């Protein structure tokens, strides 16, 4: 079994900047990145995402 602390998924600053470039047509400032970093996880249904992946595993 792999280590329990292994990261399965992550989002980096480049991922954020790509969306900002497309949606805002500009790059994010360091202050904006910090703002998003503190809140992004609150917008993701982590349980639902994991459950959906497990459901796909069964199929």
Protein backbone atom coordinates (compact mmCIF):
# COMPACT_ATOMS: atom_id res chain seq x y z
CA UNK A 1 0.00 0.00 0.00
CA UNK A 2 1.23 3.48 -0.87
CA UNK A 3 1.79 5.97 1.92
CA UNK A 4 -1.39 7.45 3.38
CA UNK A 5 -0.02 10.99 3.00
CA UNK A 6 0.46 10.71 -0.77
CA UNK A 7 -1.14 13.64 -2.61
CA UNK A 8 -3.75 12.44 -5.08
CA UNK A 9 -4.72 15.74 -6.68
CA UNK A 10 -3.49 19.31 -6.49
CA UNK A 11 -4.04 22.68 -8.12
CA UNK A 12 -1.07 24.94 -8.67
CA UNK A 13 -0.69 28.65 -9.41
CA UNK A 14 -0.31 27.97 -13.12
CA UNK A 15 -3.76 26.31 -13.09
CA UNK A 16 -5.23 29.45 -11.48
CA UNK A 17 -3.41 31.75 -13.90
CA UNK A 18 -4.71 29.81 -16.91
CA UNK A 19 -8.31 30.35 -15.79
CA UNK A 20 -7.62 34.01 -14.96
CA UNK A 21 -6.12 34.52 -18.41
CA UNK A 22 -9.22 33.03 -20.05
CA UNK A 23 -11.87 34.57 -17.81
CA UNK A 24 -10.32 37.88 -16.70
CA UNK A 25 -7.87 38.33 -19.58
CA UNK A 26 -5.09 39.09 -17.11
CA UNK A 27 -2.83 37.45 -14.57
CA UNK A 28 -3.66 37.29 -10.88
CA UNK A 29 -1.65 39.30 -8.38
CA UNK A 30 0.09 37.59 -5.46
CA UNK A 31 -2.56 39.02 -3.15
CA UNK A 32 -5.37 37.56 -5.31
CA UNK A 33 -3.65 34.17 -5.38
CA UNK A 34 -3.41 34.17 -1.58
CA UNK A 35 -7.12 35.08 -1.38
CA UNK A 36 -8.07 32.20 -3.68
CA UNK A 37 -5.70 29.80 -1.91
CA UNK A 38 -7.52 30.35 1.38
CA UNK A 39 -10.98 29.77 -0.13
CA UNK A 40 -10.72 27.41 -3.09
CA UNK A 41 -11.20 24.24 -1.05
CA UNK A 42 -14.49 25.59 0.30
CA UNK A 43 -15.95 25.51 -3.22
CA UNK A 44 -15.07 21.90 -3.98
CA UNK A 45 -17.38 19.08 -2.96
CA UNK A 46 -14.51 16.84 -1.89
CA UNK A 47 -16.72 14.04 -0.55
CA UNK A 48 -18.84 14.02 -3.70
CA UNK A 49 -15.78 13.97 -5.95
CA UNK A 50 -14.27 11.03 -4.06
CA UNK A 51 -17.60 9.19 -3.99
CA UNK A 52 -18.07 9.68 -7.75
CA UNK A 53 -14.59 8.31 -8.46
CA UNK A 54 -15.30 5.29 -6.24
CA UNK A 55 -18.60 4.74 -8.03
CA UNK A 56 -16.77 4.81 -11.38
CA UNK A 57 -14.36 2.23 -9.98
CA UNK A 58 -17.25 -0.20 -9.47
CA UNK A 59 -18.44 0.15 -13.07
